[in-house]
Amino acid sequence: EVQLVESGGGSVQSGGSLRLSCVVSGLTYRYYCMGWFRQAPGKEREGIATIGSSRRSAIYADSEKGRFTISQDDSKNTVYLQINSLKPEDTAVYYCAIVNTYFACSLSQSQYKTWGQGTQVTVSS
């Protein structure tokens, strides 16, 4: 059974940076998509970035290109989300998710089957 555990959230000042981590255990998929999502208070969960097992390219939400970077470290079974130039509107619970698939990755949360518990990011002005 695949399990995901996020960490790295916290309270930061506007303009700061954070690197979120998602440790993956029990992964046996050969083909998969790993995504980062967030849910702000009173808002729908939205996709931020995703990367496939092929690593050919990552996909980012148009609104977040340039400030967010998704990456993987296979030696640590970890997927990262680097967030720079944080803004108060980035305040949300951030989740990682995975799906066993050979098909193209997307930022649609319905594609993903296993989710972590989330990590809170709070940005103050």
C-alpha atoms as a PDB file:
ATOM      1  CA  GLU A   1       0.000   0.000   0.000  1.00  0.00           C
ATOM      2  CA  VAL A   2       1.347   3.379  -1.030  1.00  0.00           C
ATOM      3  CA  GLN A   3       1.492   6.004   1.690  1.00  0.00           C
ATOM      4  CA  LEU A   4       2.416   9.675   1.437  1.00  0.00           C
ATOM      5  CA  VAL A   5       3.594  11.911   4.267  1.00  0.00           C
ATOM      6  CA  GLU A   6       4.055  15.646   3.746  1.00  0.00           C
ATOM      7  CA  SER A   7       6.210  17.946   5.825  1.00  0.00           C
ATOM      8  CA  GLY A   8       7.933  21.297   5.607  1.00  0.00           C
ATOM      9  CA  GLY A   9       4.990  23.613   6.081  1.00  0.00           C
ATOM     10  CA  GLY A  10       4.992  26.445   8.571  1.00  0.00           C
ATOM     11  CA  SER A  11       4.480  30.143   9.121  1.00  0.00           C
ATOM     12  CA  VAL A  12       6.578  32.502   7.002  1.00  0.00           C
ATOM     13  CA  GLN A  13       6.692  36.155   6.075  1.00  0.00           C
ATOM     14  CA  SER A  14       5.619  37.338   2.679  1.00  0.00           C
ATOM     15  CA  GLY A  15       8.521  37.069   0.223  1.00  0.00           C
ATOM     16  CA  GLY A  16      10.023  34.064   1.958  1.00  0.00           C
ATOM     17  CA  SER A  17      10.535  30.545   0.671  1.00  0.00           C
ATOM     18  CA  LEU A  18       9.615  27.043   1.742  1.00  0.00           C
ATOM     19  CA  ARG A  19      10.442  23.575   0.520  1.00  0.00           C
ATOM     20  CA  LEU A  20       7.720  21.029   1.112  1.00  0.00           C
ATOM     21  CA  SER A  21       8.567  17.341   1.176  1.00  0.00           C
ATOM     22  CA  CYS A  22       6.460  14.297   0.430  1.00  0.00           C
ATOM     23  CA  VAL A  23       7.950  10.970   1.474  1.00  0.00           C
ATOM     24  CA  VAL A  24       6.553   8.035  -0.468  1.00  0.00           C
ATOM     25  CA  SER A  25       6.498   4.531   1.008  1.00  0.00           C
ATOM     26  CA  GLY A  26       5.275   1.256  -0.425  1.00  0.00           C
ATOM     27  CA  LEU A  27       5.691   2.446  -4.021  1.00  0.00           C
ATOM     28  CA  THR A  28       5.608  -0.426  -6.492  1.00  0.00           C
ATOM     29  CA  TYR A  29       4.238   1.435  -9.508  1.00  0.00           C
ATOM     30  CA  ARG A  30       6.408   1.525 -12.587  1.00  0.00           C
ATOM     31  CA  TYR A  31       4.397   4.343 -14.106  1.00  0.00           C
ATOM     32  CA  TYR A  32       2.877   7.058 -11.989  1.00  0.00           C
ATOM     33  CA  CYS A  33       2.109  10.728 -11.603  1.00  0.00           C
ATOM     34  CA  MET A  34       2.977  12.667  -8.457  1.00  0.00           C
ATOM     35  CA  GLY A  35       1.179  15.917  -7.855  1.00  0.00           C
ATOM     36  CA  TRP A  36       1.069  18.787  -5.420  1.00  0.00           C
ATOM     37  CA  PHE A  37      -2.242  20.432  -4.610  1.00  0.00           C
ATOM     38  CA  ARG A  38      -3.441  23.013  -2.152  1.00  0.00           C
ATOM     39  CA  GLN A  39      -6.676  24.031  -0.516  1.00  0.00           C
ATOM     40  CA  ALA A  40      -7.139  27.503   0.917  1.00  0.00           C
ATOM     41  CA  PRO A  41      -9.851  28.222   3.498  1.00  0.00           C
ATOM     42  CA  GLY A  42     -13.236  28.358   1.830  1.00  0.00           C
ATOM     43  CA  LYS A  43     -11.857  27.420  -1.579  1.00  0.00           C
ATOM     44  CA  GLU A  44     -11.719  24.349  -3.776  1.00  0.00           C
ATOM     45  CA  ARG A  45      -8.604  22.211  -3.846  1.00  0.00           C
ATOM     46  CA  GLU A  46      -6.419  23.198  -6.800  1.00  0.00           C
ATOM     47  CA  GLY A  47      -3.540  21.589  -8.604  1.00  0.00           C
ATOM     48  CA  ILE A  48      -0.148  23.286  -8.499  1.00  0.00           C
ATOM     49  CA  ALA A  49       2.358  20.951 -10.137  1.00  0.00           C
ATOM     50  CA  THR A  50       2.766  17.376 -11.255  1.00  0.00           C
ATOM     51  CA  ILE A  51       5.602  15.184 -12.453  1.00  0.00           C
ATOM     52  CA  GLY A  52       5.503  11.758 -14.035  1.00  0.00           C
ATOM     53  CA  SER A  53       7.684   8.710 -13.512  1.00  0.00           C
ATOM     54  CA  SER A  54       9.197   9.313 -16.944  1.00  0.00           C
ATOM     55  CA  ARG A  55      10.490  12.714 -15.698  1.00  0.00           C
ATOM     56  CA  ARG A  56      10.316  14.141 -19.181  1.00  0.00           C
ATOM     57  CA  SER A  57       8.718  17.300 -17.932  1.00  0.00           C
ATOM     58  CA  ALA A  58       6.728  18.775 -15.114  1.00  0.00           C
ATOM     59  CA  ILE A  59       3.394  20.500 -15.496  1.00  0.00           C
ATOM     60  CA  TYR A  60       2.520  23.621 -13.557  1.00  0.00           C
ATOM     61  CA  ALA A  61      -0.637  25.595 -13.100  1.00  0.00           C
ATOM     62  CA  ASP A  62      -0.431  28.670 -15.317  1.00  0.00           C
ATOM     63  CA  SER A  63      -0.888  30.962 -12.363  1.00  0.00           C
ATOM     64  CA  GLU A  64       2.070  29.434 -10.488  1.00  0.00           C
ATOM     65  CA  LYS A  65       4.749  29.133 -13.127  1.00  0.00           C
ATOM     66  CA  GLY A  66       8.014  30.626 -11.980  1.00  0.00           C
ATOM     67  CA  ARG A  67       7.447  30.477  -8.224  1.00  0.00           C
ATOM     68  CA  PHE A  68       6.895  26.758  -7.786  1.00  0.00           C
ATOM     69  CA  THR A  69       9.279  23.939  -8.649  1.00  0.00           C
ATOM     70  CA  ILE A  70       8.512  20.241  -8.311  1.00  0.00           C
ATOM     71  CA  SER A  71      11.358  17.755  -8.111  1.00  0.00           C
ATOM     72  CA  GLN A  72      12.130  14.179  -7.043  1.00  0.00           C
ATOM     73  CA  ASP A  73      14.930  12.457  -5.185  1.00  0.00           C
ATOM     74  CA  ASP A  74      14.642   8.733  -5.823  1.00  0.00           C
ATOM     75  CA  SER A  75      17.341   7.922  -3.268  1.00  0.00           C
ATOM     76  CA  LYS A  76      15.109   9.408  -0.569  1.00  0.00           C
ATOM     77  CA  ASN A  77      11.752   8.372  -2.061  1.00  0.00           C
ATOM     78  CA  THR A  78      10.780  12.007  -1.771  1.00  0.00           C
ATOM     79  CA  VAL A  79       9.039  14.555  -3.953  1.00  0.00           C
ATOM     80  CA  TYR A  80       9.612  18.230  -3.226  1.00  0.00           C
ATOM     81  CA  LEU A  81       7.755  21.447  -3.890  1.00  0.00           C
ATOM     82  CA  GLN A  82       9.929  24.542  -3.695  1.00  0.00           C
ATOM     83  CA  ILE A  83       7.897  27.717  -3.234  1.00  0.00           C
ATOM     84  CA  ASN A  84       9.578  31.096  -3.633  1.00  0.00           C
ATOM     85  CA  SER A  85       8.331  34.670  -3.190  1.00  0.00           C
ATOM     86  CA  LEU A  86       5.528  33.515  -0.939  1.00  0.00           C
ATOM     87  CA  LYS A  87       2.389  35.645  -0.796  1.00  0.00           C
ATOM     88  CA  PRO A  88      -0.416  35.737   1.777  1.00  0.00           C
ATOM     89  CA  GLU A  89      -2.713  34.178  -0.833  1.00  0.00           C
ATOM     90  CA  ASP A  90      -0.465  31.099  -0.796  1.00  0.00           C
ATOM     91  CA  THR A  91      -1.830  30.312   2.669  1.00  0.00           C
ATOM     92  CA  ALA A  92      -3.375  26.850   2.394  1.00  0.00           C
ATOM     93  CA  VAL A  93      -3.034  23.206   3.278  1.00  0.00           C
ATOM     94  CA  TYR A  94      -0.703  21.598   0.755  1.00  0.00           C
ATOM     95  CA  TYR A  95      -1.178  17.977  -0.264  1.00  0.00           C
ATOM     96  CA  CYS A  96       0.794  15.541  -2.344  1.00  0.00           C
ATOM     97  CA  ALA A  97      -0.935  12.782  -4.249  1.00  0.00           C
ATOM     98  CA  ILE A  98      -0.066   9.869  -6.521  1.00  0.00           C
ATOM     99  CA  VAL A  99      -1.758   7.741  -9.143  1.00  0.00           C
ATOM    100  CA  ASN A 100      -0.595   4.570 -10.879  1.00  0.00           C
ATOM    101  CA  THR A 101      -0.966   5.430 -14.541  1.00  0.00           C
ATOM    102  CA  TYR A 102       0.750   5.121 -17.887  1.00  0.00           C
ATOM    103  CA  PHE A 103      -1.184   8.085 -19.231  1.00  0.00           C
ATOM    104  CA  ALA A 104      -0.229  11.744 -19.207  1.00  0.00           C
ATOM    105  CA  CYS A 105      -0.222  13.529 -15.888  1.00  0.00           C
ATOM    106  CA  SER A 106      -2.666  16.315 -15.232  1.00  0.00           C
ATOM    107  CA  LEU A 107      -3.551  18.764 -12.496  1.00  0.00           C
ATOM    108  CA  SER A 108      -7.021  17.333 -12.104  1.00  0.00           C
ATOM    109  CA  GLN A 109      -7.400  16.029  -8.581  1.00  0.00           C
ATOM    110  CA  SER A 110      -9.828  13.367  -9.782  1.00  0.00           C
ATOM    111  CA  GLN A 111      -6.921  11.611 -11.496  1.00  0.00           C
ATOM    112  CA  TYR A 112      -5.144  10.939  -8.200  1.00  0.00           C
ATOM    113  CA  LYS A 113      -6.005   8.012  -5.957  1.00  0.00           C
ATOM    114  CA  THR A 114      -3.766   8.259  -2.893  1.00  0.00           C
ATOM    115  CA  TRP A 115      -3.308  11.414  -0.854  1.00  0.00           C
ATOM    116  CA  GLY A 116      -1.185  12.556   2.040  1.00  0.00           C
ATOM    117  CA  GLN A 117      -2.582  14.190   5.145  1.00  0.00           C
ATOM    118  CA  GLY A 118      -1.441  17.682   4.146  1.00  0.00           C
ATOM    119  CA  THR A 119       0.889  20.278   5.603  1.00  0.00           C
ATOM    120  CA  GLN A 120      -0.184  23.809   6.546  1.00  0.00           C
ATOM    121  CA  VAL A 121       1.495  26.839   4.998  1.00  0.00           C
ATOM    122  CA  THR A 122       0.673  30.234   6.459  1.00  0.00           C
ATOM    123  CA  VAL A 123       2.074  33.398   4.916  1.00  0.00           C
ATOM    124  CA  SER A 124       1.812  36.693   6.758  1.00  0.00           C
ATOM    125  CA  SER A 125       2.168  40.120   5.187  1.00  0.00           C
END
